[in-house]
Amino acid sequence: MTAEEGVQLSQQNAKDFFRVLNLNKKCDTSKHKVLVVSVCPQSLPYFAAKFNLSVTDASRRLCGFLKSLGVHYVFDTTIAADFSILE
C-alpha cells in the first residue's frame, strides 16, 4: 500500500461520512462533496436474510436508503470481485 492509498483509506470511516452528509445538508449545492458508497457482494445476502427479502429487493432498499441519506452514487462491487478472481 502506498502512502497515498493509506491516506485515502484512513478517510473512509463512518464519522467522516456522517460529517460530510451533515455539511452537504447545510451548504449550497454547488459546494457539496460527492458521496459514493460501494457495496460488497457479501453484504447483500446478509441484509436479504436479515430482513426476509430477496437479494434484489435488499439491493434496491439499501440503495434507496443510502440515497435518502444524501449519497450521490451507490456501486455494487460484484464485477470488481469477479475480475479479481480471474486474475
PDB file of N, CA and C in Angstrom:
ATOM      1  N   MET A   1       0.848  -1.166   0.000  1.00  0.00           N
ATOM      2  CA  MET A   1       0.000   0.000   0.000  1.00  0.00           C
ATOM      3  C   MET A   1       0.897   1.234   0.000  1.00  0.00           C
ATOM      4  N   THR A   2       0.559   2.160  -0.887  1.00  0.00           N
ATOM      5  CA  THR A   2       1.322   3.407  -0.935  1.00  0.00           C
ATOM      6  C   THR A   2       0.840   4.350   0.161  1.00  0.00           C
ATOM      7  N   ALA A   3       1.612   5.382   0.400  1.00  0.00           N
ATOM      8  CA  ALA A   3       1.227   6.373   1.410  1.00  0.00           C
ATOM      9  C   ALA A   3      -0.089   7.047   1.027  1.00  0.00           C
ATOM     10  N   GLU A   4      -0.251   7.332  -0.263  1.00  0.00           N
ATOM     11  CA  GLU A   4      -1.493   7.964  -0.738  1.00  0.00           C
ATOM     12  C   GLU A   4      -2.692   7.046  -0.506  1.00  0.00           C
ATOM     13  N   GLU A   5      -2.534   5.759  -0.778  1.00  0.00           N
ATOM     14  CA  GLU A   5      -3.622   4.805  -0.531  1.00  0.00           C
ATOM     15  C   GLU A   5      -3.947   4.732   0.957  1.00  0.00           C
ATOM     16  N   GLY A   6      -2.927   4.803   1.793  1.00  0.00           N
ATOM     17  CA  GLY A   6      -3.144   4.795   3.234  1.00  0.00           C
ATOM     18  C   GLY A   6      -3.940   6.000   3.697  1.00  0.00           C
ATOM     19  N   VAL A   7      -3.640   7.166   3.126  1.00  0.00           N
ATOM     20  CA  VAL A   7      -4.378   8.384   3.468  1.00  0.00           C
ATOM     21  C   VAL A   7      -5.830   8.259   3.021  1.00  0.00           C
ATOM     22  N   GLN A   8      -6.041   7.774   1.804  1.00  0.00           N
ATOM     23  CA  GLN A   8      -7.409   7.622   1.302  1.00  0.00           C
ATOM     24  C   GLN A   8      -8.202   6.638   2.152  1.00  0.00           C
ATOM     25  N   LEU A   9      -7.587   5.541   2.532  1.00  0.00           N
ATOM     26  CA  LEU A   9      -8.271   4.545   3.351  1.00  0.00           C
ATOM     27  C   LEU A   9      -8.618   5.104   4.722  1.00  0.00           C
ATOM     28  N   SER A  10      -7.718   5.888   5.296  1.00  0.00           N
ATOM     29  CA  SER A  10      -7.978   6.451   6.625  1.00  0.00           C
ATOM     30  C   SER A  10      -9.117   7.467   6.602  1.00  0.00           C
ATOM     31  N   GLN A  11      -9.434   8.002   5.419  1.00  0.00           N
ATOM     32  CA  GLN A  11     -10.513   8.981   5.304  1.00  0.00           C
ATOM     33  C   GLN A  11     -11.879   8.319   5.117  1.00  0.00           C
ATOM     34  N   GLN A  12     -11.911   7.003   5.048  1.00  0.00           N
ATOM     35  CA  GLN A  12     -13.160   6.288   4.821  1.00  0.00           C
ATOM     36  C   GLN A  12     -13.647   5.685   6.128  1.00  0.00           C
ATOM     37  N   ASN A  13     -14.346   6.472   6.903  1.00  0.00           N
ATOM     38  CA  ASN A  13     -14.906   5.957   8.146  1.00  0.00           C
ATOM     39  C   ASN A  13     -16.272   6.586   8.376  1.00  0.00           C
ATOM     40  N   ALA A  14     -17.043   5.986   9.254  1.00  0.00           N
ATOM     41  CA  ALA A  14     -18.420   6.427   9.486  1.00  0.00           C
ATOM     42  C   ALA A  14     -18.483   7.864   9.995  1.00  0.00           C
ATOM     43  N   LYS A  15     -17.550   8.236  10.857  1.00  0.00           N
ATOM     44  CA  LYS A  15     -17.565   9.592  11.427  1.00  0.00           C
ATOM     45  C   LYS A  15     -17.445  10.640  10.323  1.00  0.00           C
ATOM     46  N   ASP A  16     -16.487  10.464   9.420  1.00  0.00           N
ATOM     47  CA  ASP A  16     -16.306  11.420   8.328  1.00  0.00           C
ATOM     48  C   ASP A  16     -17.473  11.369   7.343  1.00  0.00           C
ATOM     49  N   PHE A  17     -18.006  10.183   7.117  1.00  0.00           N
ATOM     50  CA  PHE A  17     -19.154  10.022   6.225  1.00  0.00           C
ATOM     51  C   PHE A  17     -20.331  10.866   6.721  1.00  0.00           C
ATOM     52  N   PHE A  18     -20.672  10.730   8.002  1.00  0.00           N
ATOM     53  CA  PHE A  18     -21.796  11.483   8.551  1.00  0.00           C
ATOM     54  C   PHE A  18     -21.483  12.976   8.665  1.00  0.00           C
ATOM     55  N   ARG A  19     -20.227  13.318   8.870  1.00  0.00           N
ATOM     56  CA  ARG A  19     -19.830  14.728   8.902  1.00  0.00           C
ATOM     57  C   ARG A  19     -20.084  15.371   7.538  1.00  0.00           C
ATOM     58  N   VAL A  20     -19.684  14.682   6.474  1.00  0.00           N
ATOM     59  CA  VAL A  20     -19.890  15.217   5.126  1.00  0.00           C
ATOM     60  C   VAL A  20     -21.382  15.257   4.786  1.00  0.00           C
ATOM     61  N   LEU A  21     -22.134  14.237   5.186  1.00  0.00           N
ATOM     62  CA  LEU A  21     -23.587  14.267   4.967  1.00  0.00           C
ATOM     63  C   LEU A  21     -24.196  15.513   5.599  1.00  0.00           C
ATOM     64  N   ASN A  22     -23.817  15.795   6.835  1.00  0.00           N
ATOM     65  CA  ASN A  22     -24.352  16.968   7.538  1.00  0.00           C
ATOM     66  C   ASN A  22     -23.908  18.274   6.893  1.00  0.00           C
ATOM     67  N   LEU A  23     -22.647  18.342   6.464  1.00  0.00           N
ATOM     68  CA  LEU A  23     -22.167  19.551   5.783  1.00  0.00           C
ATOM     69  C   LEU A  23     -22.929  19.779   4.484  1.00  0.00           C
ATOM     70  N   ASN A  24     -23.166  18.702   3.733  1.00  0.00           N
ATOM     71  CA  ASN A  24     -23.896  18.823   2.472  1.00  0.00           C
ATOM     72  C   ASN A  24     -25.311  19.357   2.694  1.00  0.00           C
ATOM     73  N   LYS A  25     -25.926  18.995   3.811  1.00  0.00           N
ATOM     74  CA  LYS A  25     -27.288  19.463   4.097  1.00  0.00           C
ATOM     75  C   LYS A  25     -27.308  20.952   4.424  1.00  0.00           C
ATOM     76  N   LYS A  26     -26.192  21.475   4.931  1.00  0.00           N
ATOM     77  CA  LYS A  26     -26.145  22.861   5.399  1.00  0.00           C
ATOM     78  C   LYS A  26     -25.632  23.850   4.358  1.00  0.00           C
ATOM     79  N   CYS A  27     -24.910  23.388   3.361  1.00  0.00           N
ATOM     80  CA  CYS A  27     -24.271  24.323   2.435  1.00  0.00           C
ATOM     81  C   CYS A  27     -24.971  24.344   1.076  1.00  0.00           C
ATOM     82  N   ASP A  28     -24.586  25.316   0.276  1.00  0.00           N
ATOM     83  CA  ASP A  28     -25.095  25.469  -1.081  1.00  0.00           C
ATOM     84  C   ASP A  28     -24.751  24.232  -1.909  1.00  0.00           C
ATOM     85  N   THR A  29     -25.651  23.822  -2.796  1.00  0.00           N
ATOM     86  CA  THR A  29     -25.427  22.593  -3.571  1.00  0.00           C
ATOM     87  C   THR A  29     -24.175  22.666  -4.440  1.00  0.00           C
ATOM     88  N   SER A  30     -23.751  23.854  -4.824  1.00  0.00           N
ATOM     89  CA  SER A  30     -22.539  23.972  -5.634  1.00  0.00           C
ATOM     90  C   SER A  30     -21.284  23.607  -4.842  1.00  0.00           C
ATOM     91  N   LYS A  31     -21.402  23.569  -3.508  1.00  0.00           N
ATOM     92  CA  LYS A  31     -20.258  23.245  -2.659  1.00  0.00           C
ATOM     93  C   LYS A  31     -20.333  21.834  -2.076  1.00  0.00           C
ATOM     94  N   HIS A  32     -21.340  21.066  -2.480  1.00  0.00           N
ATOM     95  CA  HIS A  32     -21.482  19.707  -1.957  1.00  0.00           C
ATOM     96  C   HIS A  32     -20.305  18.827  -2.351  1.00  0.00           C
ATOM     97  N   LYS A  33     -19.919  17.960  -1.440  1.00  0.00           N
ATOM     98  CA  LYS A  33     -18.965  16.910  -1.764  1.00  0.00           C
ATOM     99  C   LYS A  33     -19.772  15.730  -2.291  1.00  0.00           C
ATOM    100  N   VAL A  34     -19.258  15.082  -3.313  1.00  0.00           N
ATOM    101  CA  VAL A  34     -19.943  13.926  -3.884  1.00  0.00           C
ATOM    102  C   VAL A  34     -19.662  12.720  -2.999  1.00  0.00           C
ATOM    103  N   LEU A  35     -20.732  12.065  -2.569  1.00  0.00           N
ATOM    104  CA  LEU A  35     -20.599  10.888  -1.711  1.00  0.00           C
ATOM    105  C   LEU A  35     -20.871   9.634  -2.526  1.00  0.00           C
ATOM    106  N   VAL A  36     -19.930   8.699  -2.456  1.00  0.00           N
ATOM    107  CA  VAL A  36     -20.026   7.441  -3.186  1.00  0.00           C
ATOM    108  C   VAL A  36     -19.895   6.301  -2.189  1.00  0.00           C
ATOM    109  N   VAL A  37     -20.792   5.321  -2.295  1.00  0.00           N
ATOM    110  CA  VAL A  37     -20.744   4.138  -1.436  1.00  0.00           C
ATOM    111  C   VAL A  37     -20.588   2.922  -2.329  1.00  0.00           C
ATOM    112  N   SER A  38     -19.682   2.036  -1.973  1.00  0.00           N
ATOM    113  CA  SER A  38     -19.559   0.758  -2.678  1.00  0.00           C
ATOM    114  C   SER A  38     -20.079  -0.342  -1.763  1.00  0.00           C
ATOM    115  N   VAL A  39     -20.855  -1.242  -2.355  1.00  0.00           N
ATOM    116  CA  VAL A  39     -21.467  -2.337  -1.607  1.00  0.00           C
ATOM    117  C   VAL A  39     -20.814  -3.636  -2.059  1.00  0.00           C
ATOM    118  N   CYS A  40     -20.233  -4.358  -1.114  1.00  0.00           N
ATOM    119  CA  CYS A  40     -19.565  -5.614  -1.457  1.00  0.00           C
ATOM    120  C   CYS A  40     -20.609  -6.716  -1.656  1.00  0.00           C
ATOM    121  N   PRO A  41     -20.299  -7.721  -2.474  1.00  0.00           N
ATOM    122  CA  PRO A  41     -21.268  -8.770  -2.783  1.00  0.00           C
ATOM    123  C   PRO A  41     -21.740  -9.561  -1.561  1.00  0.00           C
ATOM    124  N   GLN A  42     -20.920  -9.675  -0.545  1.00  0.00           N
ATOM    125  CA  GLN A  42     -21.286 -10.459   0.635  1.00  0.00           C
ATOM    126  C   GLN A  42     -22.340  -9.769   1.494  1.00  0.00           C
ATOM    127  N   SER A  43     -22.441  -8.450   1.419  1.00  0.00           N
ATOM    128  CA  SER A  43     -23.358  -7.737   2.309  1.00  0.00           C
ATOM    129  C   SER A  43     -24.820  -7.869   1.888  1.00  0.00           C
ATOM    130  N   LEU A  44     -25.093  -7.977   0.610  1.00  0.00           N
ATOM    131  CA  LEU A  44     -26.485  -8.027   0.160  1.00  0.00           C
ATOM    132  C   LEU A  44     -27.223  -9.285   0.617  1.00  0.00           C
ATOM    133  N   PRO A  45     -26.638 -10.482   0.498  1.00  0.00           N
ATOM    134  CA  PRO A  45     -27.339 -11.662   1.029  1.00  0.00           C
ATOM    135  C   PRO A  45     -27.569 -11.574   2.541  1.00  0.00           C
ATOM    136  N   TYR A  46     -26.653 -10.949   3.259  1.00  0.00           N
ATOM    137  CA  TYR A  46     -26.827 -10.769   4.702  1.00  0.00           C
ATOM    138  C   TYR A  46     -28.068  -9.920   4.976  1.00  0.00           C
ATOM    139  N   PHE A  47     -28.160  -8.752   4.319  1.00  0.00           N
ATOM    140  CA  PHE A  47     -29.325  -7.884   4.509  1.00  0.00           C
ATOM    141  C   PHE A  47     -30.609  -8.576   4.061  1.00  0.00           C
ATOM    142  N   ALA A  48     -30.529  -9.309   2.957  1.00  0.00           N
ATOM    143  CA  ALA A  48     -31.714 -10.012   2.455  1.00  0.00           C
ATOM    144  C   ALA A  48     -32.224 -11.014   3.487  1.00  0.00           C
ATOM    145  N   ALA A  49     -31.326 -11.800   4.052  1.00  0.00           N
ATOM    146  CA  ALA A  49     -31.727 -12.795   5.054  1.00  0.00           C
ATOM    147  C   ALA A  49     -32.234 -12.117   6.325  1.00  0.00           C
ATOM    148  N   LYS A  50     -31.555 -11.074   6.751  1.00  0.00           N
ATOM    149  CA  LYS A  50     -31.941 -10.384   7.990  1.00  0.00           C
ATOM    150  C   LYS A  50     -33.341  -9.788   7.904  1.00  0.00           C
ATOM    151  N   PHE A  51     -33.702  -9.265   6.739  1.00  0.00           N
ATOM    152  CA  PHE A  51     -34.995  -8.596   6.585  1.00  0.00           C
ATOM    153  C   PHE A  51     -35.995  -9.410   5.756  1.00  0.00           C
ATOM    154  N   ASN A  52     -35.669 -10.687   5.518  1.00  0.00           N
ATOM    155  CA  ASN A  52     -36.564 -11.604   4.806  1.00  0.00           C
ATOM    156  C   ASN A  52     -36.963 -11.043   3.433  1.00  0.00           C
ATOM    157  N   LEU A  53     -35.956 -10.646   2.658  1.00  0.00           N
ATOM    158  CA  LEU A  53     -36.153 -10.086   1.324  1.00  0.00           C
ATOM    159  C   LEU A  53     -35.367 -10.897   0.312  1.00  0.00           C
ATOM    160  N   SER A  54     -35.679 -10.722  -0.956  1.00  0.00           N
ATOM    161  CA  SER A  54     -34.810 -11.272  -1.991  1.00  0.00           C
ATOM    162  C   SER A  54     -33.556 -10.398  -2.045  1.00  0.00           C
ATOM    163  N   VAL A  55     -32.504 -10.918  -2.636  1.00  0.00           N
ATOM    164  CA  VAL A  55     -31.267 -10.136  -2.751  1.00  0.00           C
ATOM    165  C   VAL A  55     -31.519  -8.884  -3.600  1.00  0.00           C
ATOM    166  N   THR A  56     -32.329  -9.019  -4.635  1.00  0.00           N
ATOM    167  CA  THR A  56     -32.651  -7.868  -5.484  1.00  0.00           C
ATOM    168  C   THR A  56     -33.386  -6.790  -4.694  1.00  0.00           C
ATOM    169  N   ASP A  57     -34.383  -7.198  -3.904  1.00  0.00           N
ATOM    170  CA  ASP A  57     -35.111  -6.222  -3.088  1.00  0.00           C
ATOM    171  C   ASP A  57     -34.208  -5.590  -2.033  1.00  0.00           C
ATOM    172  N   ALA A  58     -33.348  -6.391  -1.434  1.00  0.00           N
ATOM    173  CA  ALA A  58     -32.418  -5.855  -0.436  1.00  0.00           C
ATOM    174  C   ALA A  58     -31.501  -4.818  -1.077  1.00  0.00           C
ATOM    175  N   SER A  59     -31.044  -5.107  -2.280  1.00  0.00           N
ATOM    176  CA  SER A  59     -30.181  -4.174  -3.000  1.00  0.00           C
ATOM    177  C   SER A  59     -30.912  -2.864  -3.280  1.00  0.00           C
ATOM    178  N   ARG A  60     -32.138  -2.961  -3.762  1.00  0.00           N
ATOM    179  CA  ARG A  60     -32.930  -1.755  -4.057  1.00  0.00           C
ATOM    180  C   ARG A  60     -33.182  -0.933  -2.796  1.00  0.00           C
ATOM    181  N   ARG A  61     -33.546  -1.608  -1.723  1.00  0.00           N
ATOM    182  CA  ARG A  61     -33.861  -0.882  -0.488  1.00  0.00           C
ATOM    183  C   ARG A  61     -32.621  -0.244   0.131  1.00  0.00           C
ATOM    184  N   LEU A  62     -31.498  -0.971   0.109  1.00  0.00           N
ATOM    185  CA  LEU A  62     -30.260  -0.405   0.645  1.00  0.00           C
ATOM    186  C   LEU A  62     -29.843   0.816  -0.170  1.00  0.00           C
ATOM    187  N   CYS A  63     -29.928   0.696  -1.477  1.00  0.00           N
ATOM    188  CA  CYS A  63     -29.587   1.820  -2.355  1.00  0.00           C
ATOM    189  C   CYS A  63     -30.516   3.002  -2.085  1.00  0.00           C
ATOM    190  N   GLY A  64     -31.803   2.744  -1.977  1.00  0.00           N
ATOM    191  CA  GLY A  64     -32.764   3.807  -1.689  1.00  0.00           C
ATOM    192  C   GLY A  64     -32.500   4.475  -0.351  1.00  0.00           C
ATOM    193  N   PHE A  65     -32.180   3.660   0.656  1.00  0.00           N
ATOM    194  CA  PHE A  65     -31.875   4.200   1.979  1.00  0.00           C
ATOM    195  C   PHE A  65     -30.651   5.108   1.929  1.00  0.00           C
ATOM    196  N   LEU A  66     -29.587   4.631   1.291  1.00  0.00           N
ATOM    197  CA  LEU A  66     -28.362   5.429   1.209  1.00  0.00           C
ATOM    198  C   LEU A  66     -28.608   6.732   0.452  1.00  0.00           C
ATOM    199  N   LYS A  67     -29.367   6.663  -0.635  1.00  0.00           N
ATOM    200  CA  LYS A  67     -29.669   7.882  -1.394  1.00  0.00           C
ATOM    201  C   LYS A  67     -30.545   8.827  -0.582  1.00  0.00           C
ATOM    202  N   SER A  68     -31.434   8.277   0.257  1.00  0.00           N
ATOM    203  CA  SER A  68     -32.271   9.145   1.097  1.00  0.00           C
ATOM    204  C   SER A  68     -31.434   9.889   2.137  1.00  0.00           C
ATOM    205  N   LEU A  69     -30.284   9.316   2.494  1.00  0.00           N
ATOM    206  CA  LEU A  69     -29.375   9.994   3.419  1.00  0.00           C
ATOM    207  C   LEU A  69     -28.624  11.139   2.746  1.00  0.00           C
ATOM    208  N   GLY A  70     -28.483  11.050   1.412  1.00  0.00           N
ATOM    209  CA  GLY A  70     -27.748  12.078   0.686  1.00  0.00           C
ATOM    210  C   GLY A  70     -26.591  11.545  -0.132  1.00  0.00           C
ATOM    211  N   VAL A  71     -26.476  10.228  -0.234  1.00  0.00           N
ATOM    212  CA  VAL A  71     -25.418   9.623  -1.050  1.00  0.00           C
ATOM    213  C   VAL A  71     -25.756   9.852  -2.523  1.00  0.00           C
ATOM    214  N   HIS A  72     -24.766  10.229  -3.310  1.00  0.00           N
ATOM    215  CA  HIS A  72     -24.986  10.512  -4.722  1.00  0.00           C
ATOM    216  C   HIS A  72     -24.944   9.252  -5.582  1.00  0.00           C
ATOM    217  N   TYR A  73     -24.000   8.373  -5.308  1.00  0.00           N
ATOM    218  CA  TYR A  73     -23.827   7.167  -6.122  1.00  0.00           C
ATOM    219  C   TYR A  73     -23.628   5.955  -5.222  1.00  0.00           C
ATOM    220  N   VAL A  74     -24.254   4.839  -5.616  1.00  0.00           N
ATOM    221  CA  VAL A  74     -24.069   3.568  -4.916  1.00  0.00           C
ATOM    222  C   VAL A  74     -23.646   2.551  -5.968  1.00  0.00           C
ATOM    223  N   PHE A  75     -22.499   1.908  -5.742  1.00  0.00           N
ATOM    224  CA  PHE A  75     -21.975   0.927  -6.686  1.00  0.00           C
ATOM    225  C   PHE A  75     -21.900  -0.449  -6.053  1.00  0.00           C
ATOM    226  N   ASP A  76     -22.286  -1.441  -6.833  1.00  0.00           N
ATOM    227  CA  ASP A  76     -22.151  -2.840  -6.441  1.00  0.00           C
ATOM    228  C   ASP A  76     -20.778  -3.300  -6.939  1.00  0.00           C
ATOM    229  N   THR A  77     -19.972  -3.835  -6.062  1.00  0.00           N
ATOM    230  CA  THR A  77     -18.606  -4.221  -6.441  1.00  0.00           C
ATOM    231  C   THR A  77     -18.496  -5.670  -6.899  1.00  0.00           C
ATOM    232  N   THR A  78     -19.622  -6.299  -7.249  1.00  0.00           N
ATOM    233  CA  THR A  78     -19.598  -7.692  -7.699  1.00  0.00           C
ATOM    234  C   THR A  78     -18.696  -7.868  -8.914  1.00  0.00           C
ATOM    235  N   ILE A  79     -18.789  -6.959  -9.870  1.00  0.00           N
ATOM    236  CA  ILE A  79     -17.964  -7.076 -11.078  1.00  0.00           C
ATOM    237  C   ILE A  79     -16.487  -6.982 -10.720  1.00  0.00           C
ATOM    238  N   ALA A  80     -16.140  -6.075  -9.831  1.00  0.00           N
ATOM    239  CA  ALA A  80     -14.741  -5.955  -9.404  1.00  0.00           C
ATOM    240  C   ALA A  80     -14.280  -7.236  -8.723  1.00  0.00           C
ATOM    241  N   ALA A  81     -15.150  -7.840  -7.914  1.00  0.00           N
ATOM    242  CA  ALA A  81     -14.793  -9.099  -7.249  1.00  0.00           C
ATOM    243  C   ALA A  81     -14.583 -10.200  -8.280  1.00  0.00           C
ATOM    244  N   ASP A  82     -15.431 -10.229  -9.305  1.00  0.00           N
ATOM    245  CA  ASP A  82     -15.275 -11.233 -10.367  1.00  0.00           C
ATOM    246  C   ASP A  82     -13.951 -11.055 -11.101  1.00  0.00           C
ATOM    247  N   PHE A  83     -13.577  -9.806 -11.370  1.00  0.00           N
ATOM    248  CA  PHE A  83     -12.299  -9.554 -12.036  1.00  0.00           C
ATOM    249  C   PHE A  83     -11.125 -10.010 -11.174  1.00  0.00           C
ATOM    250  N   SER A  84     -11.203  -9.788  -9.879  1.00  0.00           N
ATOM    251  CA  SER A  84     -10.096 -10.189  -9.007  1.00  0.00           C
ATOM    252  C   SER A  84      -9.955 -11.708  -8.970  1.00  0.00           C
ATOM    253  N   ILE A  85     -11.058 -12.420  -9.103  1.00  0.00           N
ATOM    254  CA  ILE A  85     -10.992 -13.887  -9.149  1.00  0.00           C
ATOM    255  C   ILE A  85     -10.318 -14.344 -10.435  1.00  0.00           C
ATOM    256  N   LEU A  86     -10.593 -13.644 -11.541  1.00  0.00           N
ATOM    257  CA  LEU A  86      -9.994 -14.000 -12.825  1.00  0.00           C
ATOM    258  C   LEU A  86      -8.489 -13.779 -12.843  1.00  0.00           C
ATOM    259  N   GLU A  87      -8.021 -12.813 -12.069  1.00  0.00           N
ATOM    260  CA  GLU A  87      -6.586 -12.540 -12.037  1.00  0.00           C
ATOM    261  C   GLU A  87      -5.904 -13.668 -11.341  1.00  0.00           C
TER     262      GLU A  87
END
